[in-house]
């Protein structure tokens, strides 16, 4: 038999007071909102730092990756020196070969 109140209506038994359910749901909603806010802040900060690192890396590579005018001139001079050295070595080799031809003539 169900419990009856003084007017004769059936009353369903509750294990908690009427305000407790409302208090718990509202508290959980507030906790959920604060959790999402916290995770959004962490995500935004992490994304911002990652973006800064990527942009900074690209700018650093572009700045340090390209040679300056002095480095370009130095490299050009090194190429010229190398090529001239090879040309001089070839000329010296050809001159020695021509001298060898004259001295290696057969004498009759």
C-alpha atoms as a PDB file:
ATOM      1  CA  UNK A   1       0.000   0.000   0.000  1.00  0.00           C
ATOM      2  CA  UNK A   2       1.321   3.375  -0.981  1.00  0.00           C
ATOM      3  CA  UNK A   3       1.587   6.161   1.475  1.00  0.00           C
ATOM      4  CA  UNK A   4      -1.202   8.712   1.403  1.00  0.00           C
ATOM      5  CA  UNK A   5      -1.071  12.324   2.358  1.00  0.00           C
ATOM      6  CA  UNK A   6      -3.775  13.983   4.362  1.00  0.00           C
ATOM      7  CA  UNK A   7      -5.917  14.669   1.256  1.00  0.00           C
ATOM      8  CA  UNK A   8      -5.908  11.055   0.211  1.00  0.00           C
ATOM      9  CA  UNK A   9      -3.553  11.352  -2.777  1.00  0.00           C
ATOM     10  CA  UNK A  10      -0.733   8.923  -3.361  1.00  0.00           C
ATOM     11  CA  UNK A  11       2.747  10.178  -2.509  1.00  0.00           C
ATOM     12  CA  UNK A  12       5.789   8.656  -4.178  1.00  0.00           C
ATOM     13  CA  UNK A  13       8.647   8.276  -1.729  1.00  0.00           C
ATOM     14  CA  UNK A  14      11.787  10.349  -2.459  1.00  0.00           C
ATOM     15  CA  UNK A  15      15.227   9.548  -1.098  1.00  0.00           C
ATOM     16  CA  UNK A  16      16.383  13.157  -1.295  1.00  0.00           C
ATOM     17  CA  UNK A  17      14.848  16.472  -0.539  1.00  0.00           C
ATOM     18  CA  UNK A  18      13.261  18.343  -3.460  1.00  0.00           C
ATOM     19  CA  UNK A  19      15.954  21.069  -3.669  1.00  0.00           C
ATOM     20  CA  UNK A  20      18.899  18.632  -3.677  1.00  0.00           C
ATOM     21  CA  UNK A  21      18.262  17.381  -7.225  1.00  0.00           C
ATOM     22  CA  UNK A  22      18.091  20.946  -8.549  1.00  0.00           C
ATOM     23  CA  UNK A  23      21.247  21.931  -6.610  1.00  0.00           C
ATOM     24  CA  UNK A  24      23.203  18.920  -7.906  1.00  0.00           C
ATOM     25  CA  UNK A  25      22.206  19.435 -11.558  1.00  0.00           C
ATOM     26  CA  UNK A  26      23.023  23.133 -11.438  1.00  0.00           C
ATOM     27  CA  UNK A  27      26.363  22.434  -9.742  1.00  0.00           C
ATOM     28  CA  UNK A  28      27.215  19.858 -12.394  1.00  0.00           C
ATOM     29  CA  UNK A  29      26.285  22.321 -15.158  1.00  0.00           C
ATOM     30  CA  UNK A  30      28.580  24.944 -13.629  1.00  0.00           C
ATOM     31  CA  UNK A  31      31.393  22.373 -13.334  1.00  0.00           C
ATOM     32  CA  UNK A  32      30.885  21.384 -16.973  1.00  0.00           C
ATOM     33  CA  UNK A  33      31.036  24.997 -18.134  1.00  0.00           C
ATOM     34  CA  UNK A  34      34.213  25.674 -16.131  1.00  0.00           C
ATOM     35  CA  UNK A  35      35.810  22.456 -17.460  1.00  0.00           C
ATOM     36  CA  UNK A  36      35.088  23.429 -21.067  1.00  0.00           C
ATOM     37  CA  UNK A  37      36.380  26.939 -20.412  1.00  0.00           C
ATOM     38  CA  UNK A  38      39.603  25.520 -18.915  1.00  0.00           C
ATOM     39  CA  UNK A  39      40.137  23.105 -21.819  1.00  0.00           C
ATOM     40  CA  UNK A  40      39.427  25.850 -24.371  1.00  0.00           C
ATOM     41  CA  UNK A  41      42.018  28.106 -22.755  1.00  0.00           C
ATOM     42  CA  UNK A  42      44.611  25.318 -22.770  1.00  0.00           C
ATOM     43  CA  UNK A  43      43.827  24.456 -26.405  1.00  0.00           C
ATOM     44  CA  UNK A  44      43.982  28.095 -27.506  1.00  0.00           C
ATOM     45  CA  UNK A  45      47.288  28.750 -25.736  1.00  0.00           C
ATOM     46  CA  UNK A  46      48.818  25.546 -27.111  1.00  0.00           C
ATOM     47  CA  UNK A  47      47.643  26.345 -30.640  1.00  0.00           C
ATOM     48  CA  UNK A  48      48.970  29.901 -30.368  1.00  0.00           C
ATOM     49  CA  UNK A  49      52.387  28.718 -29.165  1.00  0.00           C
ATOM     50  CA  UNK A  50      52.511  26.100 -31.934  1.00  0.00           C
ATOM     51  CA  UNK A  51      51.609  28.715 -34.541  1.00  0.00           C
ATOM     52  CA  UNK A  52      54.307  31.051 -33.217  1.00  0.00           C
ATOM     53  CA  UNK A  53      56.877  28.245 -33.397  1.00  0.00           C
ATOM     54  CA  UNK A  54      55.951  27.388 -36.977  1.00  0.00           C
ATOM     55  CA  UNK A  55      56.009  31.010 -38.143  1.00  0.00           C
ATOM     56  CA  UNK A  56      59.222  31.679 -36.209  1.00  0.00           C
ATOM     57  CA  UNK A  57      60.858  28.583 -37.712  1.00  0.00           C
ATOM     58  CA  UNK A  58      59.908  29.616 -41.227  1.00  0.00           C
ATOM     59  CA  UNK A  59      61.184  33.161 -40.706  1.00  0.00           C
ATOM     60  CA  UNK A  60      64.417  31.916 -39.118  1.00  0.00           C
ATOM     61  CA  UNK A  61      65.004  29.510 -42.003  1.00  0.00           C
ATOM     62  CA  UNK A  62      64.338  32.220 -44.578  1.00  0.00           C
ATOM     63  CA  UNK A  63      66.618  34.678 -42.762  1.00  0.00           C
ATOM     64  CA  UNK A  64      69.502  32.291 -42.052  1.00  0.00           C
ATOM     65  CA  UNK A  65      69.008  30.135 -45.137  1.00  0.00           C
ATOM     66  CA  UNK A  66      69.761  32.840 -47.693  1.00  0.00           C
ATOM     67  CA  UNK A  67      73.381  33.982 -48.040  1.00  0.00           C
ATOM     68  CA  UNK A  68      74.206  37.639 -47.597  1.00  0.00           C
ATOM     69  CA  UNK A  69      75.874  39.768 -50.284  1.00  0.00           C
ATOM     70  CA  UNK A  70      79.311  39.282 -48.709  1.00  0.00           C
ATOM     71  CA  UNK A  71      78.860  35.516 -48.647  1.00  0.00           C
ATOM     72  CA  UNK A  72      77.729  35.550 -52.286  1.00  0.00           C
ATOM     73  CA  UNK A  73      80.815  37.562 -53.313  1.00  0.00           C
ATOM     74  CA  UNK A  74      83.122  35.274 -51.331  1.00  0.00           C
ATOM     75  CA  UNK A  75      81.611  32.170 -52.911  1.00  0.00           C
ATOM     76  CA  UNK A  76      81.879  33.733 -56.376  1.00  0.00           C
ATOM     77  CA  UNK A  77      85.539  34.582 -55.761  1.00  0.00           C
ATOM     78  CA  UNK A  78      86.210  31.026 -54.591  1.00  0.00           C
ATOM     79  CA  UNK A  79      84.637  29.668 -57.792  1.00  0.00           C
ATOM     80  CA  UNK A  80      86.722  32.022 -59.918  1.00  0.00           C
ATOM     81  CA  UNK A  81      89.900  31.065 -58.073  1.00  0.00           C
ATOM     82  CA  UNK A  82      89.140  27.361 -58.469  1.00  0.00           C
ATOM     83  CA  UNK A  83      88.407  27.684 -62.195  1.00  0.00           C
ATOM     84  CA  UNK A  84      91.519  29.811 -62.825  1.00  0.00           C
ATOM     85  CA  UNK A  85      93.641  27.308 -60.890  1.00  0.00           C
ATOM     86  CA  UNK A  86      92.328  24.450 -63.027  1.00  0.00           C
ATOM     87  CA  UNK A  87      92.957  26.429 -66.236  1.00  0.00           C
ATOM     88  CA  UNK A  88      96.522  27.233 -65.154  1.00  0.00           C
ATOM     89  CA  UNK A  89      97.133  23.571 -64.279  1.00  0.00           C
ATOM     90  CA  UNK A  90      95.880  22.490 -67.725  1.00  0.00           C
ATOM     91  CA  UNK A  91      98.040  25.099 -69.475  1.00  0.00           C
ATOM     92  CA  UNK A  92     101.086  23.988 -67.503  1.00  0.00           C
ATOM     93  CA  UNK A  93     100.337  20.357 -68.381  1.00  0.00           C
ATOM     94  CA  UNK A  94      99.999  21.226 -72.080  1.00  0.00           C
ATOM     95  CA  UNK A  95     103.237  23.234 -71.962  1.00  0.00           C
ATOM     96  CA  UNK A  96     105.083  20.305 -70.373  1.00  0.00           C
ATOM     97  CA  UNK A  97     103.668  17.960 -73.010  1.00  0.00           C
ATOM     98  CA  UNK A  98     104.827  20.250 -75.828  1.00  0.00           C
ATOM     99  CA  UNK A  99     108.328  20.448 -74.281  1.00  0.00           C
ATOM    100  CA  UNK A 100     108.394  16.680 -73.964  1.00  0.00           C
ATOM    101  CA  UNK A 101     107.549  16.356 -77.641  1.00  0.00           C
ATOM    102  CA  UNK A 102     110.517  18.519 -78.609  1.00  0.00           C
ATOM    103  CA  UNK A 103     112.988  16.702 -76.331  1.00  0.00           C
ATOM    104  CA  UNK A 104     111.697  13.249 -77.169  1.00  0.00           C
ATOM    105  CA  UNK A 105     112.521  13.597 -80.854  1.00  0.00           C
ATOM    106  CA  UNK A 106     114.431  10.718 -82.230  1.00  0.00           C
ATOM    107  CA  UNK A 107     117.937  11.659 -83.259  1.00  0.00           C
ATOM    108  CA  UNK A 108     119.219  10.017 -86.458  1.00  0.00           C
END
